[in-house]
Protein backbone atom coordinates (compact mmCIF):
# COMPACT_ATOMS: atom_id res chain seq x y z
CA MET A 1 101.53 161.80 -71.40
CA SER A 2 98.37 163.92 -71.29
CA ALA A 3 97.94 167.08 -73.31
CA THR A 4 97.09 170.27 -71.46
CA VAL A 5 96.44 173.74 -72.78
CA SER A 6 97.75 177.01 -71.41
CA ASP A 7 97.81 180.37 -73.12
CA ARG A 8 100.92 179.20 -74.97
CA THR A 9 102.10 175.64 -75.55
CA TYR A 10 105.45 175.07 -77.25
CA LEU A 11 106.50 171.57 -78.42
CA GLU A 12 109.49 170.19 -80.29
CA LEU A 13 110.31 166.96 -82.11
CA SER A 14 113.98 166.28 -82.81
CA GLU A 15 115.19 162.87 -83.98
CA GLU A 16 118.75 161.62 -84.11
CA GLY A 17 120.49 160.78 -87.35
CA GLY A 18 119.14 163.64 -89.46
CA GLY A 19 115.43 162.97 -88.88
CA ALA A 20 112.71 165.42 -87.93
CA HIS A 21 113.83 168.67 -86.25
CA LYS A 22 110.73 170.81 -85.91
CA PHE A 23 108.53 172.76 -83.49
CA TYR A 24 104.81 173.28 -82.95
CA GLU A 25 103.40 176.20 -80.97
CA VAL A 26 99.76 176.82 -80.00
CA VAL A 27 98.58 180.15 -78.55
CA VAL A 28 95.02 180.71 -77.31
CA ASP A 29 94.00 184.37 -77.15
CA GLY A 30 90.34 184.70 -76.28
CA THR A 31 88.40 182.99 -79.06
CA GLU A 32 91.36 182.93 -81.47
CA VAL A 33 93.86 180.06 -81.81
CA THR A 34 97.21 180.76 -83.46
CA ILE A 35 99.37 177.83 -84.54
CA ARG A 36 102.98 178.32 -85.56
CA TYR A 37 105.09 175.42 -86.84
CA GLY A 38 108.21 174.67 -88.87
CA ARG A 39 111.90 173.91 -88.70
CA ILE A 40 113.54 174.61 -85.32
CA GLY A 41 115.30 177.95 -85.52
CA ALA A 42 113.12 179.28 -88.35
CA ALA A 43 110.22 181.72 -88.07
CA GLY A 44 107.83 179.01 -89.25
CA SER A 45 104.36 179.16 -90.75
CA VAL A 46 101.34 180.65 -89.00
CA GLN A 47 97.68 179.57 -89.06
CA ARG A 48 94.91 181.44 -87.26
CA SER A 49 91.39 180.23 -86.48
CA SER A 50 88.49 181.94 -84.71
CA PHE A 51 85.83 180.16 -82.64
CA PRO A 52 82.43 181.21 -81.23
CA THR A 53 83.54 180.85 -77.61
CA TRP A 54 86.68 180.72 -75.52
CA GLN A 55 85.82 177.15 -74.45
CA LYS A 56 85.64 175.94 -78.07
CA ALA A 57 88.95 177.65 -78.82
CA ARG A 58 90.60 175.82 -75.90
CA SER A 59 89.06 172.52 -76.99
CA ALA A 60 90.36 172.92 -80.54
CA ALA A 61 93.82 173.81 -79.23
CA ALA A 62 93.83 170.78 -76.93
CA LYS A 63 92.95 168.51 -79.84
CA LYS A 64 95.85 169.87 -81.94
CA ILE A 65 98.33 169.52 -79.08
CA GLY A 66 97.16 165.98 -78.34
CA GLU A 67 97.72 164.98 -81.96
CA LYS A 68 101.30 166.24 -81.86
CA VAL A 69 102.09 164.66 -78.48
CA ARG A 70 100.93 161.28 -79.83
CA LYS A 71 103.37 161.74 -82.73
CA GLY A 72 106.31 162.23 -80.36
CA TYR A 73 106.39 165.98 -79.78
CA ALA A 74 107.25 167.05 -76.22
CA PRO A 75 107.21 170.34 -74.27
CA ALA A 76 110.42 172.34 -74.75
CA VAL A 77 111.94 175.72 -74.11
CA GLN A 78 112.20 177.72 -77.28
CA GLY A 79 115.80 178.55 -78.19
CA GLN A 80 117.53 175.86 -76.13
CA ARG A 81 117.85 173.41 -79.02
CA ALA A 82 120.05 174.70 -81.84
CA PRO A 83 118.79 174.79 -85.43
CA ARG A 84 119.95 171.88 -87.55
CA SER A 85 122.50 172.92 -90.13
CA VAL A 86 121.29 173.30 -93.70
CA THR A 87 123.16 171.58 -96.53
CA ARG A 88 124.84 173.93 -98.96
CA ARG A 89 125.87 172.68 -102.36
CA GLN A 90 129.56 171.86 -102.03
CA THR A 91 131.30 172.88 -105.22
CA THR A 92 134.80 173.52 -106.47
CA SER A 93 135.77 175.55 -109.49
CA ALA A 94 139.03 175.05 -111.33
CA PRO A 95 140.36 177.43 -114.01
CA SER A 96 139.04 176.76 -117.49
CA THR A 97 141.14 174.75 -119.93
CA ALA A 98 139.31 176.28 -122.91
CA ARG A 99 141.47 178.12 -125.41
CA ALA A 100 139.03 181.04 -125.63
CA THR A 101 136.66 182.96 -123.36
CA ALA A 102 132.93 183.15 -124.00
CA PRO A 103 131.47 186.37 -125.44
CA VAL A 104 129.98 187.71 -122.20
CA LEU A 105 127.68 190.68 -122.82
CA TRP A 106 127.07 191.60 -119.17
CA ARG A 107 127.49 190.23 -115.66
CA PHE A 108 125.84 191.02 -112.37
CA ALA A 109 127.44 190.20 -109.01
CA THR A 110 124.65 189.27 -106.59
CA GLY A 111 126.88 189.56 -103.52
CA ALA A 112 126.67 185.91 -102.42
CA ALA A 113 126.96 182.38 -103.81
CA ALA A 114 124.05 181.75 -106.17
CA PHE A 115 122.52 178.99 -108.26
CA GLY A 116 118.86 179.99 -108.61
CA ILE A 117 118.00 181.16 -112.13
CA HIS A 118 114.94 181.60 -114.31
CA ILE A 119 114.69 183.42 -117.63
CA ASP A 120 111.37 184.34 -119.26
CA GLU A 121 110.26 186.65 -122.04
CA ASP A 122 110.28 189.73 -119.82
CA ARG A 123 112.87 189.24 -117.09
CA CYS A 124 115.91 187.43 -115.78
CA TRP A 125 115.68 186.10 -112.21
CA VAL A 126 118.61 185.18 -109.98
CA GLY A 127 118.58 184.06 -106.33
CA ASN A 128 121.50 183.72 -103.92
CA GLN A 129 122.41 182.20 -100.55
CA ALA A 130 121.80 185.52 -98.78
CA GLY A 131 118.08 185.20 -99.57
CA ASP A 132 118.12 187.85 -102.29
CA VAL A 133 116.24 187.42 -105.56
CA PHE A 134 116.91 190.04 -108.21
CA THR A 135 115.00 190.66 -111.43
CA LEU A 136 116.83 192.12 -114.42
CA GLY A 137 116.01 193.05 -117.98
CA HIS A 138 117.61 191.14 -120.83
CA ASP A 139 119.92 194.12 -121.23
CA GLY A 140 121.22 193.65 -117.67
CA SER A 141 119.33 196.51 -116.05
CA VAL A 142 118.28 195.65 -112.48
CA HIS A 143 114.55 196.09 -111.89
CA SER A 144 113.69 194.84 -108.40
CA ARG A 145 114.79 192.85 -105.38
CA PHE A 146 112.99 190.33 -103.17
CA GLN A 147 114.50 189.80 -99.73
CA LEU A 148 113.58 186.34 -98.41
CA PRO A 149 114.31 185.09 -94.88
CA GLU A 150 116.74 182.31 -95.91
CA GLY A 151 119.11 181.34 -98.70
CA VAL A 152 117.57 180.56 -102.10
CA LYS A 153 118.10 176.96 -103.22
CA CYS A 154 116.43 177.29 -106.61
CA LEU A 155 114.02 179.30 -108.76
CA VAL A 156 111.33 177.58 -110.82
CA ALA A 157 108.43 178.67 -112.99
CA ASP A 158 105.02 177.07 -113.45
CA GLU A 159 103.31 178.94 -116.26
CA PHE A 160 102.68 182.48 -114.92
CA TRP A 161 103.96 181.76 -111.39
CA ILE A 162 107.57 182.10 -110.18
CA TYR A 163 108.70 180.30 -107.02
CA ALA A 164 111.80 180.36 -104.82
CA GLY A 165 112.70 177.32 -102.71
CA CYS A 166 114.59 178.42 -99.60
CA ASP A 167 116.70 177.00 -96.78
CA ASP A 168 113.88 177.58 -94.26
CA GLY A 169 111.90 174.77 -95.91
CA ARG A 170 109.42 177.16 -97.48
CA VAL A 171 108.60 177.91 -101.10
CA TYR A 172 107.74 181.54 -101.83
CA ASP A 173 105.48 182.77 -104.62
CA LEU A 174 107.15 185.77 -106.27
CA SER A 175 104.52 186.31 -108.95
CA SER A 176 103.30 189.63 -107.54
CA LYS A 177 105.04 192.48 -105.77
CA VAL A 178 104.46 191.01 -102.31
CA PRO A 179 105.93 187.50 -101.91
CA PHE A 180 103.96 184.92 -99.92
CA ALA A 181 104.89 181.51 -98.57
CA ALA A 182 103.02 179.17 -100.93
CA TYR A 183 104.26 175.84 -99.55
CA ASP A 184 105.76 174.65 -96.27
CA ILE A 185 107.87 171.53 -96.69
CA ASN A 186 108.33 169.20 -93.72
CA ALA A 187 111.11 170.44 -91.48
CA ASP A 188 113.03 167.17 -91.91
CA VAL A 189 113.27 167.66 -95.70
CA ASP A 190 116.61 169.20 -96.65
CA ILE A 191 115.74 170.70 -100.04
CA PHE A 192 118.20 170.21 -102.88
CA TRP A 193 115.92 171.06 -105.80
CA LEU A 194 112.23 171.37 -106.62
CA ASP A 195 109.82 171.63 -109.51
CA ILE A 196 106.18 172.73 -109.61
CA HIS A 197 103.77 171.52 -112.27
CA GLU A 198 100.13 172.67 -112.36
CA GLY A 199 100.43 173.72 -108.72
CA ILE A 200 101.81 170.37 -107.49
CA LEU A 201 105.16 170.69 -105.71
CA ASN A 202 107.85 168.02 -106.19
CA VAL A 203 110.88 168.17 -103.88
CA ALA A 204 114.22 166.35 -104.21
CA ASP A 205 116.34 166.29 -101.07
CA ARG A 206 119.69 165.43 -99.54
CA ALA A 207 118.60 161.93 -98.52
CA GLY A 208 117.65 161.03 -102.11
CA ARG A 209 113.96 161.26 -101.32
CA LEU A 210 111.18 162.60 -103.53
CA THR A 211 108.29 164.34 -101.75
CA VAL A 212 105.10 165.47 -103.50
CA ILE A 213 102.85 168.17 -101.99
CA ASP A 214 99.53 169.36 -103.43
CA HIS A 215 98.06 172.82 -103.97
CA GLU A 216 96.67 172.89 -100.42
CA ASP A 217 100.20 172.43 -99.06
CA GLU A 218 99.30 168.90 -97.97
CA HIS A 219 101.60 165.89 -98.28
CA GLN A 220 100.58 163.50 -101.08
CA TRP A 221 103.30 160.86 -101.27
CA ALA A 222 107.04 160.31 -100.90
CA ARG A 223 109.51 157.80 -102.28
CA ASN A 224 113.03 156.90 -101.20
CA SER A 225 115.31 156.38 -104.19
CA SER A 226 118.19 153.95 -104.39
CA GLY A 227 120.65 156.86 -104.17
CA GLU A 228 121.31 160.06 -102.22
CA HIS A 229 121.83 163.75 -102.99
CA ALA A 230 118.92 164.19 -105.38
CA TRP A 231 119.64 167.29 -107.48
CA LEU A 232 117.27 166.52 -110.35
CA VAL A 233 113.49 166.75 -110.22
CA ARG A 234 111.37 167.62 -113.25
CA ALA A 235 107.67 167.00 -113.77
CA ASP A 236 105.09 166.92 -116.54
CA ASP A 237 101.62 165.46 -117.03
CA ARG A 238 103.01 161.94 -117.44
CA ALA A 239 105.62 161.55 -114.70
CA VAL A 240 107.96 163.01 -112.10
CA TYR A 241 111.62 162.47 -113.04
CA HIS A 242 113.99 162.13 -110.08
CA GLY A 243 117.79 162.14 -110.43
CA HIS A 244 120.19 161.05 -107.66
CA THR A 245 123.54 159.31 -107.13
CA GLN A 246 122.26 156.06 -108.67
CA GLY A 247 120.62 157.48 -111.80
CA VAL A 248 117.17 158.71 -112.80
CA THR A 249 113.84 157.23 -111.69
CA ALA A 250 110.43 158.11 -113.15
CA TYR A 251 107.23 157.91 -111.08
CA THR A 252 103.56 158.40 -111.87
CA PRO A 253 102.37 161.83 -110.66
CA ASP A 254 99.35 160.26 -108.94
CA GLY A 255 100.54 157.89 -106.23
CA GLY A 256 104.22 157.60 -107.12
CA ARG A 257 104.28 154.20 -108.84
CA GLU A 258 107.72 153.59 -110.38
CA LEU A 259 107.66 153.67 -114.19
CA TRP A 260 111.33 153.11 -114.89
CA HIS A 261 114.82 153.50 -113.48
CA THR A 262 117.97 154.12 -115.52
CA ARG A 263 121.47 154.12 -114.08
CA THR A 264 123.55 157.03 -115.30
CA ASP A 265 127.30 157.19 -115.78
CA GLY A 266 128.03 158.93 -112.48
CA GLY A 267 125.75 160.61 -109.96
CA VAL A 268 123.28 163.17 -111.28
CA LEU A 269 124.30 166.74 -110.42
CA PHE A 270 121.64 168.65 -112.35
CA GLY A 271 118.84 168.08 -114.82
CA TRP A 272 116.74 169.57 -117.59
CA GLN A 273 113.72 168.42 -119.56
CA GLU A 274 112.17 168.80 -122.99
CA ASP A 275 108.86 167.37 -124.19
CA THR A 276 110.17 163.88 -124.89
CA ALA A 277 113.47 163.65 -122.98
CA VAL A 278 115.19 164.25 -119.64
CA TYR A 279 118.79 165.52 -119.60
CA ALA A 280 120.99 164.46 -116.66
CA GLY A 281 124.32 166.18 -116.03
CA THR A 282 126.60 163.77 -114.18
CA SER A 283 129.73 163.67 -112.07
CA HIS A 284 131.43 161.55 -114.79
CA ARG A 285 131.81 164.46 -117.21
CA ARG A 286 128.78 164.03 -119.40
CA VAL A 287 125.16 164.92 -120.03
CA GLN A 288 122.94 161.94 -120.80
CA ARG A 289 119.64 162.23 -122.67
CA LEU A 290 117.00 159.75 -121.51
CA ALA A 291 113.70 159.13 -123.30
CA LYS A 292 110.75 159.97 -121.10
CA ALA A 293 109.03 156.91 -122.54
CA GLY A 294 110.96 154.06 -120.92
CA GLY A 295 114.12 155.85 -119.81
CA VAL A 296 116.23 154.60 -122.74
CA LEU A 297 119.61 156.35 -123.18
CA GLU A 298 119.31 158.27 -126.45
CA ALA A 299 122.49 160.37 -126.59
CA GLU A 300 125.54 161.50 -124.59
CA TYR A 301 127.27 164.88 -124.53
CA ARG A 302 130.85 164.49 -123.29
CA CYS A 303 132.58 167.24 -121.33
CA ASP A 304 136.05 167.43 -119.75
CA SER A 305 135.01 167.80 -116.09
CA ALA A 306 132.05 166.99 -113.85
CA VAL A 307 128.87 168.63 -115.19
CA TYR A 308 127.32 171.07 -112.72
CA SER A 309 124.49 172.26 -114.99
CA CYS A 310 122.85 171.77 -118.36
CA ALA A 311 120.13 173.27 -120.55
CA THR A 312 118.81 173.05 -124.10
CA ALA A 313 117.61 175.24 -126.90
CA PRO A 314 113.90 174.66 -127.63
CA GLY A 315 113.24 171.11 -128.72
CA GLY A 316 116.77 169.97 -127.80
CA ARG A 317 118.24 171.45 -131.00
CA TYR A 318 121.35 172.43 -129.01
CA VAL A 319 122.49 171.09 -125.66
CA PHE A 320 124.54 173.26 -123.29
CA ALA A 321 126.59 172.22 -120.26
CA GLY A 322 128.62 173.90 -117.55
CA ASP A 323 131.46 172.00 -115.87
CA ALA A 324 133.47 172.21 -112.67
CA ALA A 325 136.37 173.85 -114.51
CA SER A 326 134.73 177.17 -115.43
CA SER A 327 133.83 176.13 -118.99
CA VAL A 328 130.58 176.05 -120.92
CA TYR A 329 129.88 173.75 -123.87
CA CYS A 330 127.50 173.55 -126.80
CA PHE A 331 126.59 170.31 -128.59
CA ASP A 332 124.28 169.50 -131.46
CA GLU A 333 121.30 167.27 -130.83
CA GLY A 334 123.21 164.09 -131.64
CA GLY A 335 126.10 164.76 -129.25
CA THR A 336 128.77 166.40 -131.43
CA ARG A 337 130.65 169.09 -129.51
CA LEU A 338 130.37 172.41 -131.31
CA TRP A 339 132.36 174.56 -128.90
CA LYS A 340 133.91 174.91 -125.45
CA LEU A 341 134.59 178.32 -123.94
CA GLY A 342 135.65 179.69 -120.55
CA THR A 343 133.10 181.67 -118.55
CA GLY A 344 135.70 184.09 -117.21
CA ASP A 345 133.75 184.13 -113.92
CA GLY A 346 133.74 180.68 -112.28
CA SER A 347 131.78 177.50 -112.94
CA ALA A 348 128.14 177.54 -114.05
CA LEU A 349 125.94 176.13 -111.27
CA SER A 350 122.69 176.71 -113.20
CA MET A 351 121.91 177.84 -116.73
CA GLN A 352 119.14 178.58 -119.18
CA TYR A 353 119.11 179.37 -122.90
CA HIS A 354 116.86 182.10 -124.30
CA ASP A 355 116.84 183.88 -127.66
CA GLU A 356 120.43 182.98 -128.71
CA LYS A 357 121.80 183.86 -125.29
CA LEU A 358 123.04 181.55 -122.55
CA TYR A 359 122.39 182.82 -119.02
CA VAL A 360 124.38 181.19 -116.22
CA VAL A 361 124.89 181.71 -112.49
CA THR A 362 128.37 180.90 -111.28
CA THR A 363 130.34 179.81 -108.27
CA GLU A 364 131.37 183.46 -107.94
CA GLY A 365 127.74 184.42 -107.31
CA SER A 366 127.31 186.19 -110.63
CA LEU A 367 124.61 186.09 -113.27
CA ILE A 368 126.27 186.37 -116.67
CA CYS A 369 124.75 186.72 -120.12
CA ILE A 370 126.68 185.00 -122.93
CA ASP A 371 126.01 185.74 -126.59
CA ALA A 372 125.48 182.20 -127.93
CA SER A 373 124.80 183.20 -131.53
CA GLU A 374 126.93 181.49 -134.17
CA ALA A 375 128.60 184.75 -135.19
CA ALA A 376 129.54 185.72 -131.63
CA VAL A 377 130.92 182.27 -130.77
CA THR A 378 132.97 182.15 -134.00
CA ALA A 379 134.43 185.56 -133.19
CA ALA A 380 135.22 184.44 -129.63
CA GLN A 381 137.03 181.35 -130.87
CA GLY A 382 139.17 183.71 -132.91
CA GLY A 383 139.96 185.81 -129.84
CA SER A 384 137.49 188.63 -130.42
CA VAL A 385 135.08 189.11 -127.50
CA PRO A 386 133.12 192.13 -126.27
CA VAL A 387 134.07 193.93 -123.08
CA PRO A 388 131.49 192.73 -120.51
CA VAL A 389 129.33 195.37 -118.87
CA ASP A 390 129.52 195.12 -115.07
CA VAL A 391 125.97 195.77 -113.92
CA LYS A 392 125.57 197.88 -110.78
CA LEU A 393 122.67 198.04 -108.33
CA GLN A 394 120.49 201.13 -108.54
CA ALA A 395 120.53 203.44 -105.54
CA ALA A 396 116.76 203.25 -105.02
CA LEU A 397 115.98 199.70 -106.10
CA PRO A 398 112.37 198.59 -105.38
CA THR A 399 112.61 195.92 -102.65
CA TYR A 400 109.90 193.49 -101.52
CA THR A 401 109.75 191.28 -98.43
CA PRO A 402 107.35 188.41 -97.52
CA ALA A 403 104.05 189.40 -95.97
CA THR A 404 101.63 187.69 -93.60
CA THR A 405 98.94 190.38 -93.87
CA VAL A 406 97.22 192.07 -96.80
CA ALA A 407 95.73 195.48 -97.48
CA THR A 408 92.02 196.04 -96.88
CA VAL A 409 89.57 197.44 -99.46
CA SER A 410 85.90 198.33 -99.08
CA ALA A 411 84.60 196.75 -102.28
CA PRO A 412 85.83 194.85 -105.35
CA THR A 413 86.37 196.66 -108.63
CA ALA A 414 85.26 195.49 -112.06
CA GLY A 415 86.91 192.26 -113.13
CA GLU A 416 88.18 191.28 -109.68
CA VAL A 417 87.28 187.90 -108.21
CA VAL A 418 85.83 187.56 -104.70
CA LEU A 419 86.96 184.67 -102.49
CA GLU A 420 85.75 183.46 -99.10
CA CYS A 421 87.71 181.67 -96.39
CA VAL A 422 85.70 178.94 -94.64
CA GLN A 423 86.26 176.41 -91.86
CA GLU A 424 85.65 172.85 -93.10
CA GLY A 425 86.08 170.47 -90.18
CA GLY A 426 89.64 170.93 -88.96
CA ARG A 427 90.83 172.67 -92.12
CA VAL A 428 90.54 176.18 -93.47
CA ARG A 429 89.69 176.35 -97.18
CA VAL A 430 89.15 179.14 -99.69
CA HIS A 431 86.41 179.13 -102.36
CA ILE A 432 85.25 181.58 -105.03
CA VAL A 433 81.95 183.36 -104.40
CA SER A 434 81.89 185.40 -107.64
CA GLU A 435 79.49 184.20 -110.34
CA GLY A 436 80.70 181.98 -113.17
CA TYR A 437 83.11 179.77 -111.22
CA GLN A 438 83.02 176.32 -109.64
CA ARG A 439 81.90 177.09 -106.08
CA ASP A 440 83.07 173.71 -104.72
CA TRP A 441 86.64 173.98 -106.01
CA ASN A 442 89.36 174.97 -103.54
CA VAL A 443 91.58 177.97 -104.25
CA GLN A 444 95.34 177.80 -103.78
CA PHE A 445 95.80 180.61 -101.27
CA PRO A 446 98.56 181.55 -98.78
CA ARG A 447 97.90 179.89 -95.43
CA SER A 448 99.48 182.77 -93.55
CA VAL A 449 96.65 185.16 -94.45
CA ARG A 450 93.65 182.79 -94.19
CA VAL A 451 91.07 183.93 -91.66
CA PRO A 452 87.83 181.89 -91.45
CA GLY A 453 84.83 184.00 -92.43
CA ALA A 454 86.90 186.65 -94.20
CA ARG A 455 86.46 187.61 -97.84
CA TYR A 456 89.21 188.62 -100.27
CA VAL A 457 89.53 189.99 -103.78
CA VAL A 458 92.19 189.03 -106.33
CA ASP A 459 92.99 190.28 -109.81
CA GLY A 460 92.15 186.95 -111.44
CA VAL A 461 92.21 183.16 -111.17
CA HIS A 462 93.34 180.25 -113.32
CA ALA A 463 91.64 176.85 -113.41
CA ALA A 464 94.28 174.15 -112.89
CA SER A 465 93.94 170.67 -114.39
CA GLY A 466 93.68 169.15 -110.91
CA GLY A 467 90.29 170.75 -110.26
CA PHE A 468 91.27 173.83 -108.25
CA TYR A 469 91.95 177.53 -108.85
CA ARG A 470 95.19 179.45 -108.65
CA ILE A 471 95.17 183.17 -107.95
CA ARG A 472 96.89 185.79 -110.06
CA GLY A 473 97.99 189.23 -108.96
CA GLU A 474 97.54 191.04 -105.67
CA ILE A 475 95.42 189.88 -102.70
CA ARG A 476 93.23 192.34 -100.78
CA ARG A 477 90.86 191.68 -97.89
CA LEU A 478 87.33 193.01 -98.02
CA GLY A 479 86.64 195.09 -94.95
C-alpha cells in the first residue's frame, strides 16, 4: 500500500487479543505539520513542526505516514472504532474484624474511587478515578485541585517532581500550577502502576510487562514477566523491581538484564521500597520483605486477609499493611504484629506513613489521616478515639487543567534559564542557551509545547544523573 498525503491523514492500528489500539493523525497546514497520536478514543499527544516550504512540509508528512503504514496502520474514519476498555482495579472490601477502630483525625471524600496517594513535607496528594487530584495540608485543609482528562491510576514523586499516571496512557507532571503531559505510554500498555527515578519512567501493566521510557519520552526496553497483573514497580540506581502474580523480578536499569527472581506467597498486589529492601503485599495475607541484593526473603508480616497496600516508617522500623477487610496493621521490623485496627471507611488501597501519621486512600474513595503514635493507638485499643473531622471542599478552590500552550514574555528576568527548541533530524530537542550549562545536554520538556526555533524561559533546571536537565517551575515562551 502506498502512502499519500492530503491536508489530513488519519490512521489506526487495532490488534485482536488486547494488542495495540491506537491512532496516528497527520495534518499539513501550509508549512506546518501537526501530528496527533495516542490511544483510540483519547485526545492523544500533539507534536508540531515548521518547515521552510510547503513542499518540504508535505515531504516530511509523507515520510511519517509511510513509516506508520509499514508498521500496519491503515486509513480509518475517526470515531467508528470504539475505545478499548481500561482495566480498573477490581477490589472488594469486607467489614473489619478488628476489635477497635483506628484513631482517625480527619477524612476527605474525593467523590470517586481512589488509590493514588503521595505525602510530602508540605502537602498530601490524592487522585481518583474521576481524574481529580487534590492537594491538602497535613491538617486536612484542601488547597487545590487538578482536573485531568482520565482516571488517576497512581501518584508518584521523583525528588521535587510529582506525577500522575492516568487511564489515557499519559503521565502528567503536577509540579507547577499548570500540569503538562510529561510522558506518553504506548496505547497498548494498560497501566497498573508506575515509578519514576531520575526522570526515567518504569511502567507495570495488566499483561505483567515492564516498560521503561527515558526522559525524552522514548521507549528504552521492555520485559515480559512470568506472571500477569503487575501492581509493583519500584526503582533505584541499582535496579527496577517488578512484582506480578508469580513474584518479584529485579532488572538492571540499563538494558533490563534480569538480576534475580523470587516467588512470593501469593500474587503481588502492591509494593514499597526502602534503601536495602523491597516489600511485597500479597494475595495470601502477608507482606514479604525481600533483600534488594539477591532477592532473599528476609521477613514476613502476616495479616488476616489479602494485602491491598503496604508502607514503612523510615528505614523499615515499622511496617504497615492494609487488607481487604477494612483493617490496617502495624508490625515491628522483625515481623511481630503490634496492632490491628479498623479503618472505619473501607479497605486501604494505598498508604504512606509520615511523621507518626498513616495516610490511606480507601475503597470508599476517601483519604484518611490516622494518628499512628503509640499513645493514640493505645487509647484506640482501649476504645478511646477522636471524632474524625469530615473535610469539605472550599467554595472557590483553585483548579488547574492540563495545558498545551504557555504564556509569552518579552524577556527573561534575573535567575531564569533560557532554553531553545531545535530540529535535529526527525526529532525536536530542547537545549539550554544560558551561560554556565552543558549546551549539548537535552532538556526534559513537554512535547505538546515544543516549537522548533522557539525560545523559552523556566524558573530553574536540575542536572539529572543520566546527563540531561529537568525543568523546575513555570514555562514561558519568549516572544
